[in-house]
Amino acid sequence: MNTASSTAGRKVTMTLSVNGEDHEVAFLPEKTLLEVLREDLGLTGTKHGCELGECGACTVLMDGEPRLSCLVLTLECGGIAIETIEGMTTADGPHPLQAAFAELNAAQCGYCSPGFLMTAKALLDSDPAPSRETMKDELAGNLCRCTGYEMIYQAIDRAAAEVRGEAGHGE
């Protein structure tokens, strides 16, 4: 006899605001935001990493603050504006951070890049002229196994200069 709970397989439905658009989504209550973004909404830019909140690959912005989507239950996301890496590019083109990361080859394999970019975006939104120490502190939860971080910091410097409207882009 099957002794599975009678609630097994019951989905909940809610509206999520992701990248400026509302999405009605049905999911199992135990699903994390990471899982719903990737599996139900097809937004695969947010990466599965450690799924323990230690690597930062799954970072998204929730009401402008970086959050590890592997540690957030989707049920907690009602009424919150969620931004993923897919939301960084606008009709005007890539965000200055995305352009600087590409121009300076700040990512080697690129797996960690979405998390770094989202965290760096939140940083520049709150501090358009962060010191190197501030960058290191804010990005401490994002791990990269390929780079020495120096090109990532330089890319953030360049993007910050562009955001501030300075010529030379912080080179």
N, C-alpha and C. Protein backbone atom coordinates (compact mmCIF):
# COMPACT_ATOMS: atom_id res chain seq x y z
N MET A 1 0.85 -1.18 0.00
CA MET A 1 0.00 0.00 0.00
C MET A 1 0.89 1.24 0.00
N ASN A 2 0.51 2.21 -0.78
CA ASN A 2 1.26 3.46 -0.86
C ASN A 2 0.90 4.32 0.35
N THR A 3 1.94 4.69 1.12
CA THR A 3 1.70 5.51 2.31
C THR A 3 2.12 6.96 2.12
N ALA A 4 2.29 7.40 0.87
CA ALA A 4 2.68 8.79 0.60
C ALA A 4 1.63 9.74 1.12
N SER A 5 2.07 10.88 1.54
CA SER A 5 1.17 11.89 2.09
C SER A 5 0.14 12.30 1.04
N SER A 6 -1.03 12.61 1.51
CA SER A 6 -2.09 13.03 0.59
C SER A 6 -1.79 14.39 -0.03
N THR A 7 -0.81 15.13 0.52
CA THR A 7 -0.47 16.43 -0.06
C THR A 7 0.64 16.30 -1.10
N ALA A 8 1.20 15.12 -1.26
CA ALA A 8 2.28 14.94 -2.24
C ALA A 8 1.79 15.33 -3.62
N GLY A 9 2.57 16.11 -4.29
CA GLY A 9 2.23 16.50 -5.66
C GLY A 9 1.28 17.66 -5.79
N ARG A 10 0.81 18.21 -4.68
CA ARG A 10 -0.10 19.35 -4.75
C ARG A 10 0.69 20.63 -4.98
N LYS A 11 0.39 21.28 -6.05
CA LYS A 11 1.08 22.52 -6.38
C LYS A 11 0.32 23.72 -5.84
N VAL A 12 1.07 24.76 -5.58
CA VAL A 12 0.47 26.05 -5.24
C VAL A 12 0.67 26.96 -6.45
N THR A 13 -0.20 27.93 -6.58
CA THR A 13 -0.11 28.87 -7.68
C THR A 13 0.06 30.27 -7.11
N MET A 14 0.98 31.00 -7.68
CA MET A 14 1.15 32.40 -7.28
C MET A 14 1.74 33.18 -8.43
N THR A 15 1.65 34.49 -8.30
CA THR A 15 2.22 35.38 -9.30
C THR A 15 3.57 35.88 -8.80
N LEU A 16 4.58 35.72 -9.64
CA LEU A 16 5.92 36.21 -9.33
C LEU A 16 6.25 37.35 -10.28
N SER A 17 6.85 38.39 -9.73
CA SER A 17 7.32 39.51 -10.55
C SER A 17 8.80 39.27 -10.84
N VAL A 18 9.10 38.90 -12.08
CA VAL A 18 10.47 38.58 -12.46
C VAL A 18 10.87 39.44 -13.66
N ASN A 19 11.93 40.17 -13.51
CA ASN A 19 12.46 41.03 -14.57
C ASN A 19 11.40 41.98 -15.12
N GLY A 20 10.59 42.50 -14.21
CA GLY A 20 9.60 43.50 -14.58
C GLY A 20 8.32 42.95 -15.17
N GLU A 21 8.18 41.64 -15.22
CA GLU A 21 6.97 41.02 -15.75
C GLU A 21 6.36 40.09 -14.71
N ASP A 22 5.03 40.04 -14.68
CA ASP A 22 4.34 39.13 -13.79
C ASP A 22 4.18 37.77 -14.46
N HIS A 23 4.45 36.72 -13.69
CA HIS A 23 4.34 35.34 -14.18
C HIS A 23 3.48 34.55 -13.20
N GLU A 24 2.41 33.98 -13.70
CA GLU A 24 1.60 33.07 -12.89
C GLU A 24 2.27 31.70 -12.99
N VAL A 25 2.63 31.16 -11.84
CA VAL A 25 3.38 29.91 -11.86
C VAL A 25 2.81 28.95 -10.82
N ALA A 26 2.76 27.66 -11.18
CA ALA A 26 2.31 26.61 -10.27
C ALA A 26 3.52 25.74 -9.95
N PHE A 27 3.74 25.49 -8.66
CA PHE A 27 4.94 24.76 -8.24
C PHE A 27 4.68 24.04 -6.93
N LEU A 28 5.51 23.07 -6.65
CA LEU A 28 5.42 22.38 -5.37
C LEU A 28 5.93 23.31 -4.29
N PRO A 29 5.29 23.33 -3.12
CA PRO A 29 5.63 24.30 -2.07
C PRO A 29 7.07 24.22 -1.58
N GLU A 30 7.71 23.09 -1.74
CA GLU A 30 9.09 22.96 -1.26
C GLU A 30 10.13 23.43 -2.28
N LYS A 31 9.70 23.88 -3.44
CA LYS A 31 10.65 24.32 -4.46
C LYS A 31 11.28 25.66 -4.10
N THR A 32 12.58 25.72 -4.32
CA THR A 32 13.30 26.97 -4.10
C THR A 32 13.07 27.91 -5.28
N LEU A 33 13.38 29.17 -5.05
CA LEU A 33 13.28 30.15 -6.13
C LEU A 33 14.19 29.75 -7.28
N LEU A 34 15.38 29.26 -6.98
CA LEU A 34 16.30 28.80 -8.02
C LEU A 34 15.63 27.76 -8.91
N GLU A 35 14.98 26.79 -8.31
CA GLU A 35 14.33 25.73 -9.08
C GLU A 35 13.18 26.27 -9.93
N VAL A 36 12.38 27.15 -9.37
CA VAL A 36 11.25 27.70 -10.13
C VAL A 36 11.75 28.57 -11.28
N LEU A 37 12.76 29.39 -11.02
CA LEU A 37 13.30 30.23 -12.10
C LEU A 37 13.79 29.37 -13.26
N ARG A 38 14.57 28.37 -12.95
CA ARG A 38 15.17 27.54 -14.00
C ARG A 38 14.18 26.56 -14.63
N GLU A 39 13.46 25.83 -13.80
CA GLU A 39 12.64 24.73 -14.28
C GLU A 39 11.27 25.15 -14.77
N ASP A 40 10.67 26.13 -14.10
CA ASP A 40 9.30 26.51 -14.45
C ASP A 40 9.24 27.75 -15.34
N LEU A 41 10.19 28.67 -15.17
CA LEU A 41 10.18 29.88 -15.99
C LEU A 41 11.22 29.85 -17.11
N GLY A 42 12.09 28.85 -17.12
CA GLY A 42 13.07 28.72 -18.20
C GLY A 42 14.18 29.75 -18.14
N LEU A 43 14.38 30.38 -17.00
CA LEU A 43 15.43 31.40 -16.85
C LEU A 43 16.68 30.71 -16.32
N THR A 44 17.46 30.14 -17.22
CA THR A 44 18.58 29.29 -16.83
C THR A 44 19.89 30.06 -16.63
N GLY A 45 19.84 31.37 -16.73
CA GLY A 45 21.05 32.16 -16.46
C GLY A 45 21.46 32.08 -15.00
N THR A 46 20.50 31.95 -14.11
CA THR A 46 20.79 31.77 -12.69
C THR A 46 21.26 30.33 -12.53
N LYS A 47 22.45 30.14 -11.97
CA LYS A 47 23.09 28.83 -11.98
C LYS A 47 22.90 28.04 -10.69
N HIS A 48 22.78 26.73 -10.86
CA HIS A 48 22.88 25.79 -9.74
C HIS A 48 24.36 25.72 -9.41
N GLY A 49 24.71 25.93 -8.18
CA GLY A 49 26.10 25.78 -7.77
C GLY A 49 26.14 24.76 -6.66
N CYS A 50 26.45 25.23 -5.48
CA CYS A 50 26.56 24.34 -4.33
C CYS A 50 25.20 23.96 -3.74
N GLU A 51 24.21 24.79 -3.96
CA GLU A 51 22.86 24.66 -3.39
C GLU A 51 22.88 24.63 -1.86
N LEU A 52 23.94 25.23 -1.29
CA LEU A 52 24.08 25.34 0.16
C LEU A 52 24.27 26.79 0.60
N GLY A 53 24.21 27.71 -0.36
CA GLY A 53 24.39 29.12 -0.04
C GLY A 53 25.83 29.53 0.18
N GLU A 54 26.76 28.78 -0.39
CA GLU A 54 28.17 29.06 -0.16
C GLU A 54 28.91 29.61 -1.37
N CYS A 55 28.36 29.49 -2.58
CA CYS A 55 29.15 29.85 -3.77
C CYS A 55 28.68 31.12 -4.48
N GLY A 56 27.42 31.50 -4.33
CA GLY A 56 26.91 32.72 -4.95
C GLY A 56 26.48 32.60 -6.40
N ALA A 57 26.61 31.43 -7.02
CA ALA A 57 26.27 31.27 -8.44
C ALA A 57 24.79 31.52 -8.71
N CYS A 58 23.96 31.36 -7.70
CA CYS A 58 22.51 31.49 -7.88
C CYS A 58 21.98 32.86 -7.47
N THR A 59 22.85 33.84 -7.28
CA THR A 59 22.43 35.15 -6.78
C THR A 59 21.47 35.83 -7.75
N VAL A 60 20.37 36.32 -7.19
CA VAL A 60 19.41 37.16 -7.90
C VAL A 60 19.19 38.39 -7.03
N LEU A 61 18.52 39.38 -7.57
CA LEU A 61 18.15 40.55 -6.77
C LEU A 61 16.69 40.42 -6.39
N MET A 62 16.42 40.64 -5.11
CA MET A 62 15.05 40.65 -4.61
C MET A 62 14.84 42.01 -3.98
N ASP A 63 13.95 42.78 -4.60
CA ASP A 63 13.75 44.18 -4.21
C ASP A 63 15.10 44.90 -4.16
N GLY A 64 15.96 44.60 -5.13
CA GLY A 64 17.24 45.28 -5.29
C GLY A 64 18.38 44.75 -4.45
N GLU A 65 18.11 43.79 -3.58
CA GLU A 65 19.14 43.23 -2.70
C GLU A 65 19.57 41.85 -3.19
N PRO A 66 20.88 41.57 -3.20
CA PRO A 66 21.32 40.24 -3.62
C PRO A 66 20.87 39.17 -2.64
N ARG A 67 20.32 38.10 -3.19
CA ARG A 67 19.86 36.96 -2.38
C ARG A 67 20.27 35.68 -3.08
N LEU A 68 20.56 34.68 -2.31
CA LEU A 68 20.92 33.36 -2.84
C LEU A 68 19.63 32.60 -3.10
N SER A 69 19.28 32.44 -4.37
CA SER A 69 17.99 31.85 -4.71
C SER A 69 17.87 30.38 -4.32
N CYS A 70 19.00 29.73 -4.06
CA CYS A 70 18.94 28.33 -3.61
C CYS A 70 18.46 28.21 -2.17
N LEU A 71 18.49 29.31 -1.43
CA LEU A 71 18.08 29.29 -0.02
C LEU A 71 16.72 29.94 0.21
N VAL A 72 16.07 30.39 -0.85
CA VAL A 72 14.78 31.08 -0.73
C VAL A 72 13.68 30.18 -1.25
N LEU A 73 12.69 29.92 -0.41
CA LEU A 73 11.52 29.19 -0.90
C LEU A 73 10.69 30.14 -1.75
N THR A 74 10.20 29.64 -2.85
CA THR A 74 9.40 30.47 -3.75
C THR A 74 8.19 31.03 -3.04
N LEU A 75 7.65 30.30 -2.10
CA LEU A 75 6.49 30.76 -1.35
C LEU A 75 6.75 32.10 -0.65
N GLU A 76 8.02 32.44 -0.40
CA GLU A 76 8.38 33.68 0.28
C GLU A 76 8.47 34.87 -0.68
N CYS A 77 8.20 34.66 -1.96
CA CYS A 77 8.51 35.68 -2.97
C CYS A 77 7.33 36.48 -3.46
N GLY A 78 6.16 36.30 -2.90
CA GLY A 78 5.00 37.07 -3.32
C GLY A 78 5.20 38.55 -3.04
N GLY A 79 4.91 39.37 -4.02
CA GLY A 79 5.01 40.82 -3.86
C GLY A 79 6.43 41.36 -3.89
N ILE A 80 7.39 40.55 -4.24
CA ILE A 80 8.80 40.96 -4.29
C ILE A 80 9.24 41.05 -5.74
N ALA A 81 9.94 42.12 -6.07
CA ALA A 81 10.50 42.27 -7.42
C ALA A 81 11.79 41.46 -7.50
N ILE A 82 11.79 40.48 -8.39
CA ILE A 82 12.94 39.60 -8.58
C ILE A 82 13.61 39.97 -9.89
N GLU A 83 14.93 40.10 -9.86
CA GLU A 83 15.69 40.37 -11.08
C GLU A 83 16.74 39.29 -11.24
N THR A 84 16.77 38.68 -12.43
CA THR A 84 17.77 37.68 -12.76
C THR A 84 18.74 38.27 -13.78
N ILE A 85 19.75 37.53 -14.10
CA ILE A 85 20.74 37.97 -15.09
C ILE A 85 20.07 38.30 -16.42
N GLU A 86 19.00 37.59 -16.76
CA GLU A 86 18.31 37.87 -18.02
C GLU A 86 17.70 39.26 -18.03
N GLY A 87 17.42 39.83 -16.86
CA GLY A 87 16.83 41.16 -16.76
C GLY A 87 17.84 42.29 -16.83
N MET A 88 19.13 41.98 -16.81
CA MET A 88 20.14 43.05 -16.84
C MET A 88 20.22 43.74 -18.20
N THR A 89 20.06 43.00 -19.27
CA THR A 89 20.13 43.57 -20.61
C THR A 89 18.80 44.25 -20.91
N THR A 90 18.88 45.46 -21.43
CA THR A 90 17.67 46.21 -21.77
C THR A 90 17.61 46.42 -23.28
N ALA A 91 16.60 47.13 -23.73
CA ALA A 91 16.48 47.44 -25.15
C ALA A 91 17.66 48.27 -25.63
N ASP A 92 18.30 48.99 -24.71
CA ASP A 92 19.47 49.80 -25.05
C ASP A 92 20.74 48.98 -25.17
N GLY A 93 20.69 47.72 -24.76
CA GLY A 93 21.86 46.85 -24.84
C GLY A 93 22.25 46.31 -23.49
N PRO A 94 23.44 45.71 -23.43
CA PRO A 94 23.88 45.12 -22.17
C PRO A 94 24.14 46.18 -21.11
N HIS A 95 24.00 45.80 -19.86
CA HIS A 95 24.34 46.66 -18.74
C HIS A 95 25.85 46.94 -18.81
N PRO A 96 26.30 48.10 -18.35
CA PRO A 96 27.74 48.39 -18.36
C PRO A 96 28.58 47.30 -17.68
N LEU A 97 28.04 46.65 -16.67
CA LEU A 97 28.78 45.55 -16.04
C LEU A 97 28.97 44.39 -17.01
N GLN A 98 27.93 44.04 -17.74
CA GLN A 98 28.04 42.95 -18.70
C GLN A 98 29.06 43.28 -19.78
N ALA A 99 29.01 44.51 -20.27
CA ALA A 99 29.96 44.92 -21.30
C ALA A 99 31.39 44.90 -20.77
N ALA A 100 31.60 45.39 -19.57
CA ALA A 100 32.94 45.43 -18.99
C ALA A 100 33.47 44.02 -18.73
N PHE A 101 32.61 43.13 -18.24
CA PHE A 101 33.05 41.75 -18.02
C PHE A 101 33.50 41.12 -19.33
N ALA A 102 32.76 41.37 -20.41
CA ALA A 102 33.13 40.81 -21.72
C ALA A 102 34.40 41.46 -22.25
N GLU A 103 34.48 42.79 -22.18
CA GLU A 103 35.64 43.50 -22.72
C GLU A 103 36.93 43.14 -22.00
N LEU A 104 36.86 42.93 -20.71
CA LEU A 104 38.06 42.66 -19.92
C LEU A 104 38.28 41.17 -19.67
N ASN A 105 37.44 40.34 -20.27
CA ASN A 105 37.55 38.90 -20.09
C ASN A 105 37.58 38.55 -18.61
N ALA A 106 36.65 39.14 -17.87
CA ALA A 106 36.60 38.97 -16.42
C ALA A 106 36.08 37.61 -16.00
N ALA A 107 35.57 36.85 -16.94
CA ALA A 107 35.07 35.51 -16.62
C ALA A 107 35.75 34.54 -17.56
N GLN A 108 36.23 33.46 -17.00
CA GLN A 108 36.85 32.46 -17.86
C GLN A 108 35.82 31.43 -18.27
N CYS A 109 35.40 30.57 -17.36
CA CYS A 109 34.38 29.59 -17.76
C CYS A 109 33.00 30.23 -17.80
N GLY A 110 32.78 31.27 -16.98
CA GLY A 110 31.52 32.00 -16.98
C GLY A 110 30.44 31.48 -16.07
N TYR A 111 30.67 30.34 -15.43
CA TYR A 111 29.62 29.75 -14.61
C TYR A 111 29.22 30.66 -13.45
N CYS A 112 30.20 31.30 -12.83
CA CYS A 112 29.93 32.15 -11.67
C CYS A 112 29.49 33.55 -12.06
N SER A 113 29.65 33.90 -13.32
CA SER A 113 29.42 35.29 -13.77
C SER A 113 28.04 35.84 -13.44
N PRO A 114 26.95 35.10 -13.65
CA PRO A 114 25.64 35.68 -13.32
C PRO A 114 25.55 36.12 -11.86
N GLY A 115 26.08 35.32 -10.95
CA GLY A 115 26.05 35.69 -9.54
C GLY A 115 26.89 36.91 -9.25
N PHE A 116 28.10 36.97 -9.84
CA PHE A 116 28.95 38.15 -9.67
C PHE A 116 28.28 39.38 -10.24
N LEU A 117 27.70 39.25 -11.43
CA LEU A 117 27.07 40.41 -12.08
C LEU A 117 25.89 40.94 -11.27
N MET A 118 25.07 40.05 -10.74
CA MET A 118 23.91 40.50 -9.97
C MET A 118 24.36 41.17 -8.67
N THR A 119 25.35 40.59 -8.01
CA THR A 119 25.85 41.18 -6.77
C THR A 119 26.50 42.54 -7.06
N ALA A 120 27.29 42.61 -8.14
CA ALA A 120 27.94 43.86 -8.51
C ALA A 120 26.91 44.92 -8.91
N LYS A 121 25.83 44.52 -9.56
CA LYS A 121 24.78 45.48 -9.93
C LYS A 121 24.17 46.09 -8.68
N ALA A 122 23.87 45.26 -7.69
CA ALA A 122 23.31 45.79 -6.43
C ALA A 122 24.30 46.74 -5.79
N LEU A 123 25.58 46.41 -5.85
CA LEU A 123 26.62 47.28 -5.28
C LEU A 123 26.63 48.62 -5.99
N LEU A 124 26.68 48.62 -7.32
CA LEU A 124 26.74 49.89 -8.06
C LEU A 124 25.45 50.68 -7.93
N ASP A 125 24.33 50.01 -7.77
CA ASP A 125 23.06 50.73 -7.57
C ASP A 125 23.09 51.50 -6.25
N SER A 126 23.80 50.97 -5.25
CA SER A 126 23.85 51.65 -3.95
C SER A 126 25.10 52.51 -3.78
N ASP A 127 26.17 52.19 -4.51
CA ASP A 127 27.44 52.92 -4.39
C ASP A 127 28.11 52.96 -5.76
N PRO A 128 27.92 54.04 -6.53
CA PRO A 128 28.47 54.10 -7.87
C PRO A 128 29.99 54.32 -7.92
N ALA A 129 30.62 54.42 -6.76
CA ALA A 129 32.08 54.58 -6.72
C ALA A 129 32.66 53.73 -5.59
N PRO A 130 32.46 52.41 -5.66
CA PRO A 130 32.93 51.56 -4.56
C PRO A 130 34.45 51.45 -4.54
N SER A 131 35.00 51.41 -3.33
CA SER A 131 36.43 51.17 -3.19
C SER A 131 36.71 49.69 -3.46
N ARG A 132 37.95 49.36 -3.67
CA ARG A 132 38.33 47.97 -3.89
C ARG A 132 37.97 47.13 -2.65
N GLU A 133 38.16 47.69 -1.48
CA GLU A 133 37.83 46.98 -0.24
C GLU A 133 36.33 46.71 -0.16
N THR A 134 35.52 47.70 -0.55
CA THR A 134 34.07 47.51 -0.56
C THR A 134 33.68 46.42 -1.55
N MET A 135 34.29 46.43 -2.73
CA MET A 135 34.01 45.39 -3.71
C MET A 135 34.31 44.01 -3.13
N LYS A 136 35.48 43.89 -2.53
CA LYS A 136 35.87 42.60 -1.95
C LYS A 136 34.88 42.15 -0.89
N ASP A 137 34.47 43.08 -0.04
CA ASP A 137 33.51 42.75 1.02
C ASP A 137 32.17 42.32 0.42
N GLU A 138 31.66 43.09 -0.53
CA GLU A 138 30.33 42.81 -1.10
C GLU A 138 30.32 41.53 -1.93
N LEU A 139 31.44 41.22 -2.57
CA LEU A 139 31.51 40.04 -3.43
C LEU A 139 32.05 38.80 -2.72
N ALA A 140 32.27 38.91 -1.42
CA ALA A 140 32.87 37.81 -0.66
C ALA A 140 32.07 36.52 -0.74
N GLY A 141 30.78 36.60 -0.96
CA GLY A 141 29.95 35.40 -1.04
C GLY A 141 29.89 34.78 -2.42
N ASN A 142 30.61 35.37 -3.38
CA ASN A 142 30.63 34.84 -4.74
C ASN A 142 32.01 34.23 -4.99
N LEU A 143 32.01 32.96 -5.34
CA LEU A 143 33.27 32.25 -5.55
C LEU A 143 33.51 31.99 -7.02
N CYS A 144 34.77 32.13 -7.41
CA CYS A 144 35.21 31.82 -8.77
C CYS A 144 36.44 30.94 -8.66
N ARG A 145 36.43 29.85 -9.38
CA ARG A 145 37.56 28.93 -9.33
C ARG A 145 38.52 29.14 -10.51
N CYS A 146 38.17 30.03 -11.44
CA CYS A 146 39.00 30.19 -12.64
C CYS A 146 39.87 31.44 -12.62
N THR A 147 39.38 32.52 -12.05
CA THR A 147 40.12 33.79 -12.13
C THR A 147 40.77 34.10 -10.80
N GLY A 148 41.61 35.09 -10.80
CA GLY A 148 42.19 35.58 -9.56
C GLY A 148 41.42 36.78 -9.04
N TYR A 149 40.22 37.02 -9.54
CA TYR A 149 39.33 38.10 -9.12
C TYR A 149 39.77 39.48 -9.62
N GLU A 150 41.02 39.67 -9.96
CA GLU A 150 41.50 41.00 -10.34
C GLU A 150 40.74 41.55 -11.55
N MET A 151 40.51 40.74 -12.57
CA MET A 151 39.79 41.22 -13.75
C MET A 151 38.32 41.52 -13.41
N ILE A 152 37.76 40.80 -12.46
CA ILE A 152 36.39 41.07 -12.02
C ILE A 152 36.33 42.45 -11.38
N TYR A 153 37.28 42.75 -10.50
CA TYR A 153 37.32 44.07 -9.86
C TYR A 153 37.55 45.17 -10.89
N GLN A 154 38.42 44.92 -11.85
CA GLN A 154 38.66 45.92 -12.89
C GLN A 154 37.41 46.16 -13.74
N ALA A 155 36.68 45.10 -14.01
CA ALA A 155 35.43 45.25 -14.78
C ALA A 155 34.41 46.07 -13.99
N ILE A 156 34.34 45.85 -12.69
CA ILE A 156 33.42 46.64 -11.87
C ILE A 156 33.86 48.10 -11.85
N ASP A 157 35.16 48.35 -11.74
CA ASP A 157 35.68 49.72 -11.80
C ASP A 157 35.28 50.39 -13.11
N ARG A 158 35.46 49.68 -14.22
CA ARG A 158 35.13 50.23 -15.54
C ARG A 158 33.64 50.53 -15.65
N ALA A 159 32.80 49.58 -15.22
CA ALA A 159 31.36 49.78 -15.29
C ALA A 159 30.92 50.92 -14.37
N ALA A 160 31.52 51.01 -13.20
CA ALA A 160 31.18 52.10 -12.27
C ALA A 160 31.48 53.44 -12.91
N ALA A 161 32.62 53.55 -13.58
CA ALA A 161 32.97 54.81 -14.25
C ALA A 161 31.95 55.13 -15.33
N GLU A 162 31.52 54.13 -16.07
CA GLU A 162 30.51 54.36 -17.11
C GLU A 162 29.18 54.79 -16.49
N VAL A 163 28.78 54.13 -15.42
CA VAL A 163 27.54 54.48 -14.74
C VAL A 163 27.60 55.93 -14.25
N ARG A 164 28.78 56.35 -13.80
CA ARG A 164 28.96 57.74 -13.33
C ARG A 164 29.10 58.72 -14.48
N GLY A 165 29.20 58.22 -15.72
CA GLY A 165 29.31 59.09 -16.89
C GLY A 165 30.71 59.63 -17.11
N GLU A 166 31.70 58.95 -16.57
CA GLU A 166 33.09 59.40 -16.73
C GLU A 166 33.71 58.83 -17.98
N ALA A 167 34.44 59.65 -18.70
CA ALA A 167 35.18 59.19 -19.89
C ALA A 167 36.34 58.33 -19.42
N GLY A 168 36.76 57.42 -20.27
CA GLY A 168 37.90 56.56 -19.96
C GLY A 168 37.49 55.27 -19.29
N HIS A 169 36.27 55.21 -18.75
CA HIS A 169 35.71 54.01 -18.17
C HIS A 169 36.59 53.35 -17.14
N GLY A 170 37.29 54.11 -16.34
CA GLY A 170 37.99 53.56 -15.20
C GLY A 170 39.19 52.72 -15.50
N GLU A 171 39.76 52.86 -16.71
CA GLU A 171 40.89 52.02 -17.06
C GLU A 171 42.15 52.48 -16.40
